[in-house]
Amino acid sequence: MNIILTTLNAKFIHTNLALRCLKAYAEPEYSPLLVEYTIKDPTFNIVADLYQKKPNIVGFSCYIWNIEETIKVIKTLKAIDPSIQIILGGPEVSYDTNVWLRQVKEIDYIIVGEGEHAFKELLNFLHGKQTLNDVPGVAYVQDDKFMLNPLPPKLDLRDSPSPFRFTEDLPNLSKRVVYIETSRGCPFSCQFCLSSIEVGVRYFNRDKVKEDIRFLMANGAKTIKFVDRTFNISRSYAMEMFQFLIDEHLPGVVFQFEITADIMRPEVIQFLNDNAPAGLFRFEIGVQSTNDLTNELVKRRQNFEKLQRTVTMVKSGGKIDQHLDLIAGLPEEDYQSFRNTFNEVFEMRPEELQLGFLKLLRGTGLRVEAEKYGYVYVDQAPYEIFSNNVLTFDDILRIKQVEDVLEKYWNAHRMDHTLEYLFAHIFETPFDFFQQFGTFWEERNWSKIGHQLEDLYTRLFSFLEGLEDISLPIIQSVMKLDYLSKQKFQPRKPWWKNDIVKEEQSSIYKQLEENPSIAGDEFVAFGLNERELYKQTFITPISICVDAYKDGIIKEKEGFLLTTFGKGETPHFSMIELKQPSKAVH
């Protein structure tokens, strides 16, 4: 029989680890073909490609982000060839299996939970080697009756075969994210998360994991993401793996982890700060909420003070980028409480802050208790809530406005100095800036169109122009510096309107040719000739002191900003002063 294992990934760069685990476990008796698509691929194209491979069995890996598109593929494929046996597995279909089998009659079998052993046993049945009753963890409909066979014992992960040695994967390792797991299970009981359902943590063989990582790096993998729910639950294990990765990593490789920050010991962080090369590691930390009552209701044990200590200590080391997650819509967290959560977490200035919205996943405790908290949601993936007893749909919409500009302006780090100035001098809190700007953004339907870098600057400035009691020349000056710092070459068309006449510009260049010291000793040291001066520099009026700006101080001062490109990794800023008194803004 011709067997295909497939899925619809969110993007091409993603890979599906589950399919590879199933294939590795099925071999050598069976040799499933791995085929991956994306949710953007047209249904017809996917079906046509699958059909031309002439499969007898197709297994789909199902998640909230792909289930709707997957069902379209299944229905179409089965209509074309009803003889194809359709098998589903994955977290999205491991719960409410009776509902799935009744609603989508094209599904022949669903494998519940951990699937390696069950999938191989199901293949044995389909090849006439055993009875269906003997296949563990499989759900199906027989004589219009829902059947679910008893689940198999948990796998001994130490004996699991490697899912990373397939030759067909090797050409694309450098172009895609490689997912790896060193453990399964989670010690926590968060009621919004499927990981809370499996009790206990099981580990793979450490030596095998290390050999897999060596193999992946040797074959070009650049981004390796650990999918362990809490990588650092065992301090000794985490330390061993950190040391191994520091010792044996290859240049250009990045490792990403999900960690629980409040259980990470200071000595572990100090070890990483002292020994990890910059950029080698990236941490993802789920904060979700700082509201104590909310955390108690969702059975989330979290010591925010210790979490802050970890995030702050890691940030001070300057070696590891951190991605922090929040969830809007958790029980008893109203709009003001979420505003407070956002500001408390943002105070740590994570490199990325992900603002998500509660999804009532099948199988989770919160979905069972949805009525208790007044949740309104549609029972269709991704099951995102619309409101609850303390958060209205209007509140949700407002927070979504925050999400859009947070992603484009903070997480993309296009103008950090500008934002910090606005937080310190214009807005009461960072959340208030993102909320007000987000509302302004949405009212103009900018969320529905694309944006060049220059567009992001002009749109922010147009928002600021409508505010009262602010100094636009100072803000524009900081924005100019942020913008120019991102340029590698002299910009042809900067985001602001031309604010220097040709005669004035020519006069400044003539002075620079005659006396380059007016721009400072560092500029003199560049030794630019006349051609380089015109090709590699850019002049614009400015209203703040550039030297003070470099020290993190905004001091009002009129003059001209001279930006020199190509003399370092970032442009060099110097100031040509106007002879008039200056005054400090702070």
Protein backbone atom coordinates (compact mmCIF):
# COMPACT_ATOMS: atom_id res chain seq x y z
CA MET A 1 0.00 0.00 0.00
CA ASN A 2 1.11 3.55 -0.74
CA ILE A 3 1.08 5.57 2.52
CA ILE A 4 1.31 9.38 2.75
CA LEU A 5 1.77 11.42 5.91
CA THR A 6 0.87 15.05 5.37
CA THR A 7 -0.13 18.33 6.99
CA LEU A 8 -0.82 21.98 6.19
CA ASN A 9 1.81 24.10 7.95
CA ALA A 10 1.22 27.76 8.75
CA LYS A 11 4.24 28.72 6.60
CA PHE A 12 6.77 26.97 4.38
CA ILE A 13 9.57 27.54 6.90
CA HIS A 14 7.75 25.38 9.48
CA THR A 15 8.24 21.63 9.62
CA ASN A 16 5.98 19.05 11.24
CA LEU A 17 7.81 16.98 13.83
CA ALA A 18 4.83 14.67 14.45
CA LEU A 19 4.88 13.32 10.90
CA ARG A 20 8.55 12.49 11.17
CA CYS A 21 8.05 10.71 14.49
CA LEU A 22 5.30 8.58 12.94
CA LYS A 23 7.43 7.74 9.92
CA ALA A 24 10.45 6.83 12.05
CA TYR A 25 8.33 4.55 14.24
CA ALA A 26 6.60 2.91 11.24
CA GLU A 27 9.88 1.94 9.58
CA PRO A 28 11.24 -0.44 8.43
CA GLU A 29 7.99 -2.37 7.97
CA TYR A 30 6.34 0.62 6.32
CA SER A 31 7.79 3.60 4.44
CA PRO A 32 5.31 6.50 4.51
CA LEU A 33 5.97 9.39 2.16
CA LEU A 34 6.24 12.78 3.88
CA VAL A 35 4.42 15.58 2.05
CA GLU A 36 3.92 19.05 3.56
CA TYR A 37 1.80 21.95 2.31
CA THR A 38 0.78 25.31 3.76
CA ILE A 39 -2.63 26.70 4.69
CA LYS A 40 -2.18 29.24 1.87
CA ASP A 41 -2.00 26.54 -0.82
CA PRO A 42 -5.26 26.19 -2.80
CA THR A 43 -7.30 23.11 -1.87
CA PHE A 44 -7.42 21.95 -5.48
CA ASN A 45 -3.63 22.09 -5.79
CA ILE A 46 -3.15 20.05 -2.62
CA VAL A 47 -5.72 17.44 -3.65
CA ALA A 48 -4.29 17.20 -7.16
CA ASP A 49 -0.80 16.66 -5.83
CA LEU A 50 -1.92 14.02 -3.34
CA TYR A 51 -4.05 12.21 -5.93
CA GLN A 52 -1.21 12.01 -8.44
CA LYS A 53 0.89 10.20 -5.82
CA LYS A 54 -1.74 7.41 -5.89
CA PRO A 55 -2.07 6.87 -2.13
CA ASN A 56 -4.04 4.10 -0.47
CA ILE A 57 -3.72 5.72 2.97
CA VAL A 58 -3.34 9.42 3.84
CA GLY A 59 -2.68 10.58 7.39
CA PHE A 60 -3.24 14.22 8.31
CA SER A 61 -1.66 16.02 11.29
CA CYS A 62 -4.31 18.42 12.63
CA TYR A 63 -4.05 21.64 14.65
CA ILE A 64 -6.28 24.63 15.27
CA TRP A 65 -4.53 26.63 12.57
CA ASN A 66 -5.04 24.04 9.80
CA ILE A 67 -8.14 22.01 10.66
CA GLU A 68 -10.63 23.98 8.54
CA GLU A 69 -8.42 23.83 5.44
CA THR A 70 -7.58 20.19 6.14
CA ILE A 71 -11.26 19.23 6.19
CA LYS A 72 -11.72 20.85 2.76
CA VAL A 73 -8.85 18.77 1.43
CA ILE A 74 -10.23 15.57 2.99
CA LYS A 75 -13.73 16.07 1.57
CA THR A 76 -12.42 16.80 -1.91
CA LEU A 77 -9.90 13.96 -1.91
CA LYS A 78 -12.48 11.45 -0.73
CA ALA A 79 -14.97 12.64 -3.35
CA ILE A 80 -12.43 11.97 -6.08
CA ASP A 81 -11.32 8.60 -4.71
CA PRO A 82 -13.54 7.11 -1.97
CA SER A 83 -11.19 4.13 -1.60
CA ILE A 84 -8.46 6.22 0.05
CA GLN A 85 -8.32 5.56 3.79
CA ILE A 86 -8.21 8.85 5.72
CA ILE A 87 -6.50 8.92 9.15
CA LEU A 88 -6.39 12.00 11.38
CA GLY A 89 -4.24 12.70 14.40
CA GLY A 90 -2.95 15.63 16.41
CA PRO A 91 -4.16 17.81 19.28
CA GLU A 92 -7.11 19.29 17.42
CA VAL A 93 -8.82 15.95 16.85
CA SER A 94 -7.72 14.06 19.97
CA TYR A 95 -10.74 15.43 21.85
CA ASP A 96 -14.42 15.33 20.88
CA THR A 97 -13.52 12.55 18.46
CA ASN A 98 -17.13 11.42 18.23
CA VAL A 99 -18.08 14.91 17.04
CA TRP A 100 -15.37 14.92 14.37
CA LEU A 101 -16.30 11.49 13.04
CA ARG A 102 -20.00 12.39 12.89
CA GLN A 103 -19.49 15.80 11.31
CA VAL A 104 -16.86 14.77 8.75
CA LYS A 105 -17.94 11.35 7.52
CA GLU A 106 -15.00 11.21 5.13
CA ILE A 107 -12.72 10.52 8.11
CA ASP A 108 -12.10 6.80 8.52
CA TYR A 109 -9.99 6.78 11.70
CA ILE A 110 -8.74 9.21 14.33
CA ILE A 111 -5.69 8.42 16.42
CA VAL A 112 -6.05 9.88 19.90
CA GLY A 113 -3.08 11.38 21.75
CA GLU A 114 0.46 10.07 21.37
CA GLY A 115 0.31 8.42 17.99
CA GLU A 116 3.47 6.52 17.09
CA HIS A 117 2.47 3.09 18.41
CA ALA A 118 -1.20 3.43 17.44
CA PHE A 119 -0.38 4.52 13.89
CA LYS A 120 1.86 1.52 13.27
CA GLU A 121 -0.72 -0.85 14.71
CA LEU A 122 -3.40 0.74 12.51
CA LEU A 123 -1.17 0.18 9.47
CA ASN A 124 -0.89 -3.47 10.55
CA PHE A 125 -4.70 -3.70 10.56
CA LEU A 126 -5.03 -2.02 7.17
CA HIS A 127 -2.51 -4.52 5.79
CA GLY A 128 -4.53 -7.44 7.19
CA LYS A 129 -2.04 -8.34 9.92
CA GLN A 130 -4.32 -7.88 12.96
CA THR A 131 -7.87 -7.00 13.98
CA LEU A 132 -9.13 -3.46 14.48
CA ASN A 133 -10.07 -4.23 18.07
CA ASP A 134 -6.38 -4.76 18.82
CA VAL A 135 -5.35 -1.30 17.60
CA PRO A 136 -4.95 0.94 20.68
CA GLY A 137 -6.02 4.58 20.81
CA VAL A 138 -8.00 4.60 17.57
CA ALA A 139 -11.51 6.05 17.16
CA TYR A 140 -13.89 5.14 14.35
CA VAL A 141 -17.55 4.58 13.54
CA GLN A 142 -18.76 1.00 13.06
CA ASP A 143 -22.38 0.18 12.22
CA ASP A 144 -23.24 3.80 13.07
CA LYS A 145 -21.75 3.32 16.55
CA PHE A 146 -18.86 5.41 17.84
CA MET A 147 -15.91 3.27 18.90
CA LEU A 148 -12.79 4.28 20.85
CA ASN A 149 -10.26 1.59 21.64
CA PRO A 150 -8.34 1.83 24.95
CA LEU A 151 -5.28 4.07 24.80
CA PRO A 152 -1.86 2.39 24.71
CA PRO A 153 0.69 2.79 27.52
CA LYS A 154 2.90 5.84 27.23
CA LEU A 155 5.95 5.28 25.06
CA ASP A 156 9.34 4.77 26.62
CA LEU A 157 10.87 7.76 24.85
CA ARG A 158 14.39 6.56 25.55
CA ASP A 159 13.92 3.88 22.88
CA SER A 160 12.35 6.14 20.24
CA PRO A 161 14.01 6.18 16.81
CA SER A 162 15.35 9.46 15.44
CA PRO A 163 12.93 11.47 13.28
CA PHE A 164 15.76 13.52 11.75
CA ARG A 165 17.61 11.12 9.44
CA PHE A 166 15.40 11.17 6.37
CA THR A 167 17.37 12.04 3.24
CA GLU A 168 14.46 13.98 1.73
CA ASP A 169 14.67 16.51 4.58
CA LEU A 170 18.36 17.34 4.18
CA PRO A 171 18.22 19.79 1.22
CA ASN A 172 15.87 22.18 3.09
CA LEU A 173 17.31 22.06 6.63
CA SER A 174 18.98 25.46 6.27
CA LYS A 175 15.79 27.08 4.98
CA ARG A 176 13.31 25.88 7.59
CA VAL A 177 12.78 25.80 11.34
CA VAL A 178 13.68 22.39 12.74
CA TYR A 179 11.58 21.35 15.74
CA ILE A 180 13.07 18.97 18.28
CA GLU A 181 11.73 17.56 21.53
CA THR A 182 13.79 16.27 24.43
CA SER A 183 10.79 15.64 26.69
CA ARG A 184 7.02 15.25 26.62
CA GLY A 185 4.50 16.39 29.19
CA CYS A 186 4.22 19.38 31.49
CA PRO A 187 4.34 19.63 35.29
CA PHE A 188 1.80 22.45 35.41
CA SER A 189 -2.00 22.50 35.19
CA CYS A 190 -2.88 25.71 33.31
CA GLN A 191 -6.54 25.33 32.37
CA PHE A 192 -6.23 27.06 29.00
CA CYS A 193 -3.47 24.74 27.75
CA LEU A 194 -3.63 21.21 26.34
CA SER A 195 -0.24 20.38 27.83
CA SER A 196 -1.81 20.38 31.29
CA ILE A 197 -3.76 17.22 30.44
CA GLU A 198 -0.75 14.90 30.35
CA VAL A 199 0.54 14.35 33.88
CA GLY A 200 4.29 14.07 34.40
CA VAL A 201 7.33 14.67 32.23
CA ARG A 202 9.14 11.96 30.23
CA TYR A 203 12.56 12.40 28.65
CA PHE A 204 14.19 11.14 25.50
CA ASN A 205 17.65 9.58 25.61
CA ARG A 206 20.08 12.47 26.15
CA ASP A 207 22.88 10.97 24.10
CA LYS A 208 20.55 10.33 21.16
CA VAL A 209 19.27 13.90 21.37
CA LYS A 210 22.80 15.25 21.27
CA GLU A 211 23.65 13.06 18.27
CA ASP A 212 20.54 14.36 16.49
CA ILE A 213 21.56 17.96 17.14
CA ARG A 214 25.08 17.28 15.87
CA PHE A 215 23.59 15.68 12.75
CA LEU A 216 21.20 18.58 12.12
CA MET A 217 23.92 21.19 12.48
CA ALA A 218 26.33 19.23 10.28
CA ASN A 219 23.66 19.14 7.58
CA GLY A 220 22.95 22.86 7.59
CA ALA A 221 20.18 23.45 10.13
CA LYS A 222 20.23 27.08 11.29
CA THR A 223 17.17 27.45 13.51
CA ILE A 224 16.47 24.62 15.95
CA LYS A 225 13.46 25.07 18.19
CA PHE A 226 12.88 22.90 21.25
CA VAL A 227 9.18 22.14 21.70
CA ASP A 228 9.51 20.95 25.31
CA ARG A 229 6.71 22.62 27.27
CA THR A 230 9.09 23.56 30.11
CA PHE A 231 12.68 23.06 28.99
CA ASN A 232 14.15 24.05 32.36
CA ILE A 233 11.91 22.00 34.66
CA SER A 234 15.02 19.96 35.54
CA ARG A 235 17.85 22.34 36.36
CA SER A 236 20.56 19.68 35.99
CA TYR A 237 19.20 18.58 32.61
CA ALA A 238 18.90 22.16 31.33
CA MET A 239 22.43 22.96 32.45
CA GLU A 240 23.80 19.86 30.74
CA MET A 241 22.07 20.76 27.48
CA PHE A 242 23.05 24.43 27.66
CA GLN A 243 26.69 23.42 28.17
CA PHE A 244 26.52 20.95 25.29
CA LEU A 245 25.05 23.54 22.92
CA ILE A 246 27.60 26.16 23.94
CA ASP A 247 30.46 23.72 23.45
CA GLU A 248 29.39 22.18 20.16
CA HIS A 249 27.28 24.73 18.30
CA LEU A 250 28.28 25.73 14.80
CA PRO A 251 28.42 29.37 13.62
CA GLY A 252 25.04 30.82 12.62
CA VAL A 253 22.90 28.30 14.50
CA VAL A 254 20.17 29.60 16.84
CA PHE A 255 18.41 27.52 19.50
CA GLN A 256 14.98 28.49 20.82
CA PHE A 257 13.39 27.26 24.06
CA GLU A 258 10.16 27.63 25.98
CA ILE A 259 11.20 28.23 29.58
CA THR A 260 9.40 28.84 32.85
CA ALA A 261 11.11 31.98 34.07
CA ASP A 262 10.14 31.99 37.75
CA ILE A 263 11.84 28.64 38.41
CA MET A 264 15.12 29.52 36.71
CA ARG A 265 17.88 29.92 39.29
CA PRO A 266 20.13 33.02 39.19
CA GLU A 267 23.25 30.85 38.94
CA VAL A 268 21.90 29.31 35.71
CA ILE A 269 21.32 32.74 34.23
CA GLN A 270 24.75 33.90 35.35
CA PHE A 271 26.27 30.85 33.67
CA LEU A 272 24.52 31.76 30.41
CA ASN A 273 25.47 35.42 30.71
CA ASP A 274 29.10 34.43 31.23
CA ASN A 275 29.39 31.62 28.69
CA ALA A 276 26.73 31.72 25.96
CA PRO A 277 27.73 33.46 22.72
CA ALA A 278 25.44 36.37 21.88
CA GLY A 279 22.53 35.28 19.70
CA LEU A 280 22.95 31.53 20.25
CA PHE A 281 19.87 31.16 22.47
CA ARG A 282 16.38 32.64 22.38
CA PHE A 283 13.85 32.25 25.21
CA GLU A 284 10.06 32.17 24.92
CA ILE A 285 8.33 32.87 28.23
CA GLY A 286 4.60 32.60 28.84
CA VAL A 287 3.54 35.25 31.35
CA GLN A 288 -0.12 35.41 30.25
CA SER A 289 -1.34 37.54 33.22
CA THR A 290 -0.04 39.25 36.34
CA ASN A 291 -3.48 39.22 37.98
CA ASP A 292 -3.23 36.92 41.03
CA LEU A 293 -6.91 35.99 41.02
CA THR A 294 -6.82 35.18 37.32
CA ASN A 295 -3.78 32.95 37.74
CA GLU A 296 -5.41 31.18 40.66
CA LEU A 297 -8.59 30.51 38.67
CA VAL A 298 -6.67 28.95 35.77
CA LYS A 299 -4.46 26.96 38.19
CA ARG A 300 -1.36 28.75 37.03
CA ARG A 301 1.37 28.88 39.66
CA GLN A 302 3.51 31.91 38.93
CA ASN A 303 5.81 34.04 41.05
CA PHE A 304 5.94 37.29 39.13
CA GLU A 305 8.76 38.75 41.22
CA LYS A 306 10.99 35.79 40.38
CA LEU A 307 9.89 35.96 36.76
CA GLN A 308 10.90 39.63 36.67
CA ARG A 309 14.24 38.75 38.21
CA THR A 310 14.92 36.19 35.53
CA VAL A 311 13.85 38.35 32.59
CA THR A 312 15.77 41.36 33.90
CA MET A 313 18.91 39.34 34.62
CA VAL A 314 18.84 37.70 31.20
CA LYS A 315 18.32 41.06 29.52
CA SER A 316 21.20 42.64 31.43
CA GLY A 317 23.49 39.91 30.07
CA GLY A 318 22.78 41.09 26.53
CA LYS A 319 23.22 37.57 25.11
CA ILE A 320 19.69 36.17 24.80
CA ASP A 321 16.60 37.66 23.13
CA GLN A 322 13.37 37.06 25.02
CA HIS A 323 9.85 36.65 23.65
CA LEU A 324 7.13 37.10 26.30
CA ASP A 325 3.49 36.06 25.82
CA LEU A 326 0.27 37.58 27.19
CA ILE A 327 -3.29 36.26 26.87
CA ALA A 328 -6.24 38.65 26.86
CA GLY A 329 -9.56 37.20 28.00
CA LEU A 330 -8.58 34.99 30.92
CA PRO A 331 -11.13 34.70 33.78
CA GLU A 332 -11.79 37.86 35.81
CA GLU A 333 -9.22 39.94 33.89
CA ASP A 334 -11.15 42.97 32.67
CA TYR A 335 -9.82 45.73 30.41
CA GLN A 336 -8.16 47.73 33.21
CA SER A 337 -6.60 44.61 34.70
CA PHE A 338 -5.21 43.64 31.31
CA ARG A 339 -3.86 47.17 30.87
CA ASN A 340 -2.04 46.71 34.17
CA THR A 341 -0.74 43.27 33.11
CA PHE A 342 0.55 44.72 29.84
CA ASN A 343 2.35 47.61 31.53
CA GLU A 344 3.90 45.44 34.24
CA VAL A 345 5.29 43.06 31.65
CA PHE A 346 6.29 45.78 29.20
CA GLU A 347 8.27 47.46 31.98
CA MET A 348 10.82 44.65 31.52
CA ARG A 349 11.24 45.71 27.86
CA PRO A 350 11.30 42.23 26.30
CA GLU A 351 12.68 42.11 22.78
CA GLU A 352 9.25 40.81 21.72
CA LEU A 353 5.90 40.95 23.47
CA GLN A 354 3.24 38.72 21.94
CA LEU A 355 -0.33 39.74 22.65
CA GLY A 356 -2.68 36.79 22.13
CA PHE A 357 -6.36 36.18 22.80
CA LEU A 358 -7.82 33.29 24.74
CA LYS A 359 -8.84 30.28 22.68
CA LEU A 360 -11.12 27.70 24.28
CA LEU A 361 -9.32 24.64 22.98
CA ARG A 362 -11.06 21.28 22.91
CA GLY A 363 -10.05 19.26 25.95
CA THR A 364 -9.05 22.17 28.20
CA GLY A 365 -10.53 22.96 31.60
CA LEU A 366 -11.58 26.48 30.60
CA ARG A 367 -13.64 25.14 27.73
CA VAL A 368 -15.48 22.89 30.18
CA GLU A 369 -16.09 25.89 32.45
CA ALA A 370 -16.94 28.34 29.65
CA GLU A 371 -20.45 28.97 30.95
CA LYS A 372 -19.18 29.71 34.47
CA TYR A 373 -17.21 32.73 33.19
CA GLY A 374 -19.76 33.81 30.60
CA TYR A 375 -17.58 33.07 27.59
CA VAL A 376 -19.02 33.76 24.17
CA TYR A 377 -17.21 32.04 21.31
CA VAL A 378 -17.90 30.15 18.10
CA ASP A 379 -17.33 26.42 18.22
CA GLN A 380 -15.06 26.52 15.20
CA ALA A 381 -11.27 26.65 15.10
CA PRO A 382 -9.45 28.60 16.43
CA TYR A 383 -12.17 28.93 19.13
CA GLU A 384 -11.17 32.48 20.04
CA ILE A 385 -13.45 34.20 22.53
CA PHE A 386 -15.58 37.26 21.77
CA SER A 387 -16.36 38.25 25.36
CA ASN A 388 -16.86 37.01 28.90
CA ASN A 389 -18.49 38.25 32.11
CA VAL A 390 -15.89 41.03 32.64
CA LEU A 391 -14.60 41.74 29.12
CA THR A 392 -16.93 42.99 26.40
CA PHE A 393 -16.51 42.51 22.66
CA ASP A 394 -15.75 46.26 22.46
CA ASP A 395 -12.89 45.67 24.91
CA ILE A 396 -11.58 42.80 22.80
CA LEU A 397 -11.66 44.96 19.68
CA ARG A 398 -9.76 47.74 21.45
CA ILE A 399 -7.07 45.34 22.63
CA LYS A 400 -6.76 43.97 19.09
CA GLN A 401 -5.94 47.51 18.00
CA VAL A 402 -3.05 47.43 20.45
CA GLU A 403 -1.86 44.11 19.02
CA ASP A 404 -1.47 45.45 15.49
CA VAL A 405 0.76 48.44 16.24
CA LEU A 406 2.66 46.58 18.99
CA GLU A 407 3.81 44.06 16.39
CA LYS A 408 4.78 46.64 13.79
CA TYR A 409 6.43 49.20 16.03
CA TRP A 410 7.84 47.49 19.14
CA ASN A 411 8.47 43.90 18.12
CA ALA A 412 10.01 44.97 14.81
CA HIS A 413 12.28 47.48 16.64
CA ARG A 414 12.08 50.05 13.90
CA MET A 415 12.15 53.12 16.19
CA ASP A 416 12.99 52.20 19.77
CA HIS A 417 14.33 55.62 20.78
CA THR A 418 11.18 57.33 19.50
CA LEU A 419 8.92 54.99 21.44
CA GLU A 420 10.92 55.36 24.64
CA TYR A 421 10.67 59.14 24.33
CA LEU A 422 6.91 58.90 23.87
CA PHE A 423 6.56 56.57 26.86
CA ALA A 424 8.60 58.90 29.05
CA HIS A 425 7.22 62.29 28.00
CA ILE A 426 3.91 62.05 26.16
CA PHE A 427 1.83 59.09 27.37
CA GLU A 428 0.95 57.95 30.85
CA THR A 429 1.90 54.34 30.11
CA PRO A 430 3.15 52.31 27.12
CA PHE A 431 -0.26 50.61 26.87
CA ASP A 432 -1.95 53.99 26.51
CA PHE A 433 0.33 54.87 23.59
CA PHE A 434 -0.32 51.59 21.80
CA GLN A 435 -4.06 51.85 22.50
CA GLN A 436 -4.47 55.43 21.29
CA PHE A 437 -2.25 54.95 18.26
CA GLY A 438 -3.87 51.58 17.54
CA THR A 439 -7.33 53.16 17.52
CA PHE A 440 -6.07 55.95 15.23
CA TRP A 441 -4.51 53.27 12.98
CA GLU A 442 -7.68 51.21 12.79
CA GLU A 443 -9.93 54.20 12.10
CA ARG A 444 -7.91 54.79 8.92
CA ASN A 445 -8.07 51.12 7.88
CA TRP A 446 -4.28 50.90 7.82
CA SER A 447 -4.45 47.36 9.19
CA LYS A 448 -5.78 46.24 5.82
CA ILE A 449 -2.86 47.49 3.71
CA GLY A 450 0.87 46.93 3.46
CA HIS A 451 3.52 49.23 4.85
CA GLN A 452 7.00 50.28 3.82
CA LEU A 453 9.38 51.53 6.50
CA GLU A 454 8.74 55.13 5.47
CA ASP A 455 4.96 54.59 5.78
CA LEU A 456 5.34 53.52 9.41
CA TYR A 457 7.15 56.76 10.21
CA THR A 458 4.74 59.05 8.38
CA ARG A 459 1.72 57.34 9.96
CA LEU A 460 3.10 57.66 13.46
CA PHE A 461 3.98 61.31 12.86
CA SER A 462 0.50 62.07 11.51
CA PHE A 463 -0.93 60.60 14.73
CA LEU A 464 1.41 62.70 16.88
CA GLU A 465 0.56 65.87 14.96
CA GLY A 466 -2.97 65.60 16.33
CA LEU A 467 -1.87 65.63 19.97
CA GLU A 468 -1.67 68.69 22.16
CA ASP A 469 1.20 70.03 24.26
CA ILE A 470 4.00 68.14 22.56
CA SER A 471 7.16 69.36 20.82
CA LEU A 472 6.95 68.07 17.27
CA PRO A 473 10.44 69.32 16.31
CA ILE A 474 12.01 67.25 19.12
CA ILE A 475 9.95 64.17 18.28
CA GLN A 476 10.69 64.52 14.59
CA SER A 477 14.40 64.80 15.38
CA VAL A 478 14.37 61.57 17.40
CA MET A 479 12.41 59.89 14.61
CA LYS A 480 14.95 61.06 12.04
CA LEU A 481 17.77 59.54 14.05
CA ASP A 482 15.88 56.27 14.42
CA TYR A 483 15.14 56.16 10.71
CA LEU A 484 18.65 57.00 9.56
CA SER A 485 20.19 54.50 11.96
CA LYS A 486 18.41 51.73 9.98
CA GLN A 487 19.84 52.85 6.63
CA LYS A 488 22.96 51.37 5.06
CA PHE A 489 23.19 53.93 2.29
CA GLN A 490 22.27 57.56 1.73
CA PRO A 491 18.44 57.60 1.55
CA ARG A 492 17.01 58.92 -1.70
CA LYS A 493 13.59 59.73 -0.33
CA PRO A 494 13.34 59.91 3.49
CA TRP A 495 9.96 59.82 5.20
CA TRP A 496 9.85 63.51 6.10
CA LYS A 497 9.28 66.38 3.71
CA ASN A 498 12.39 68.06 2.39
CA ASP A 499 13.31 70.63 5.04
CA ILE A 500 16.60 71.98 3.72
CA VAL A 501 16.97 74.18 0.65
CA LYS A 502 19.69 73.39 -1.89
CA GLU A 503 21.56 76.63 -1.24
CA GLU A 504 21.81 75.90 2.49
CA GLN A 505 22.87 72.31 1.84
CA SER A 506 25.54 73.45 -0.66
CA SER A 507 26.84 75.98 1.84
CA ILE A 508 27.23 73.30 4.54
CA TYR A 509 29.04 70.94 2.17
CA LYS A 510 31.39 73.73 1.15
CA GLN A 511 32.19 74.40 4.81
CA LEU A 512 32.79 70.68 5.39
CA GLU A 513 35.23 70.56 2.45
CA GLU A 514 37.14 73.52 3.81
CA ASN A 515 36.94 72.63 7.49
CA PRO A 516 35.68 69.08 8.28
CA SER A 517 36.31 69.69 12.00
CA ILE A 518 32.96 71.51 12.24
CA ALA A 519 31.45 68.01 12.34
CA GLY A 520 33.81 66.73 15.05
CA ASP A 521 37.06 64.78 15.30
CA GLU A 522 35.49 61.40 14.48
CA PHE A 523 34.21 62.78 11.19
CA VAL A 524 37.62 64.28 10.42
CA ALA A 525 39.18 60.85 10.94
CA PHE A 526 37.10 59.42 8.07
CA GLY A 527 39.16 61.53 5.67
CA LEU A 528 36.43 61.75 3.05
CA ASN A 529 37.36 63.23 -0.31
CA GLU A 530 34.92 65.48 -2.18
CA ARG A 531 33.26 62.60 -4.07
CA GLU A 532 32.86 60.48 -0.92
CA LEU A 533 31.48 63.46 0.98
CA TYR A 534 28.59 63.86 -1.43
CA LYS A 535 28.00 60.10 -1.92
CA GLN A 536 28.25 58.89 1.67
CA THR A 537 26.71 61.66 3.78
CA PHE A 538 23.27 63.07 4.36
CA ILE A 539 22.33 66.42 5.92
CA THR A 540 19.07 67.41 7.59
CA PRO A 541 18.05 69.99 10.20
CA ILE A 542 17.73 68.70 13.76
CA SER A 543 16.43 70.13 17.03
CA ILE A 544 18.28 68.01 19.61
CA CYS A 545 21.92 67.61 20.63
CA VAL A 546 23.34 64.56 18.87
CA ASP A 547 26.11 63.90 21.42
CA ALA A 548 23.59 63.95 24.27
CA TYR A 549 21.31 61.65 22.26
CA LYS A 550 24.12 59.11 21.99
CA ASP A 551 24.22 59.09 25.81
CA GLY A 552 20.48 58.57 26.05
CA ILE A 553 19.64 62.21 26.84
CA ILE A 554 17.30 64.39 24.82
CA LYS A 555 18.58 67.98 24.93
CA GLU A 556 17.03 70.68 22.78
CA LYS A 557 19.54 72.20 20.38
CA GLU A 558 19.20 73.55 16.85
CA GLY A 559 21.65 72.51 14.18
CA PHE A 560 22.21 70.07 11.34
CA LEU A 561 22.53 66.31 11.58
CA LEU A 562 25.33 64.91 9.43
CA THR A 563 24.96 61.17 8.82
CA THR A 564 27.91 59.29 7.35
CA PHE A 565 27.31 55.88 5.79
CA GLY A 566 29.68 53.00 5.09
CA LYS A 567 32.11 53.64 7.95
CA GLY A 568 30.81 50.97 10.32
CA GLU A 569 27.97 48.56 10.90
CA THR A 570 25.67 51.49 11.60
CA PRO A 571 25.78 55.06 10.26
CA HIS A 572 27.84 57.64 12.14
CA PHE A 573 26.03 60.70 13.48
CA SER A 574 27.63 64.08 14.02
CA MET A 575 26.23 67.54 14.50
CA ILE A 576 26.95 70.82 12.84
CA GLU A 577 25.81 73.35 15.39
CA LEU A 578 23.98 76.60 15.03
CA LYS A 579 25.32 79.29 17.33
CA GLN A 580 22.48 79.69 19.81
CA PRO A 581 21.84 78.60 23.43
CA SER A 582 20.46 75.13 24.19
CA LYS A 583 18.20 73.86 26.93
CA ALA A 584 17.67 70.39 28.36
CA VAL A 585 14.35 68.64 27.96
CA HIS A 586 15.12 66.35 30.89
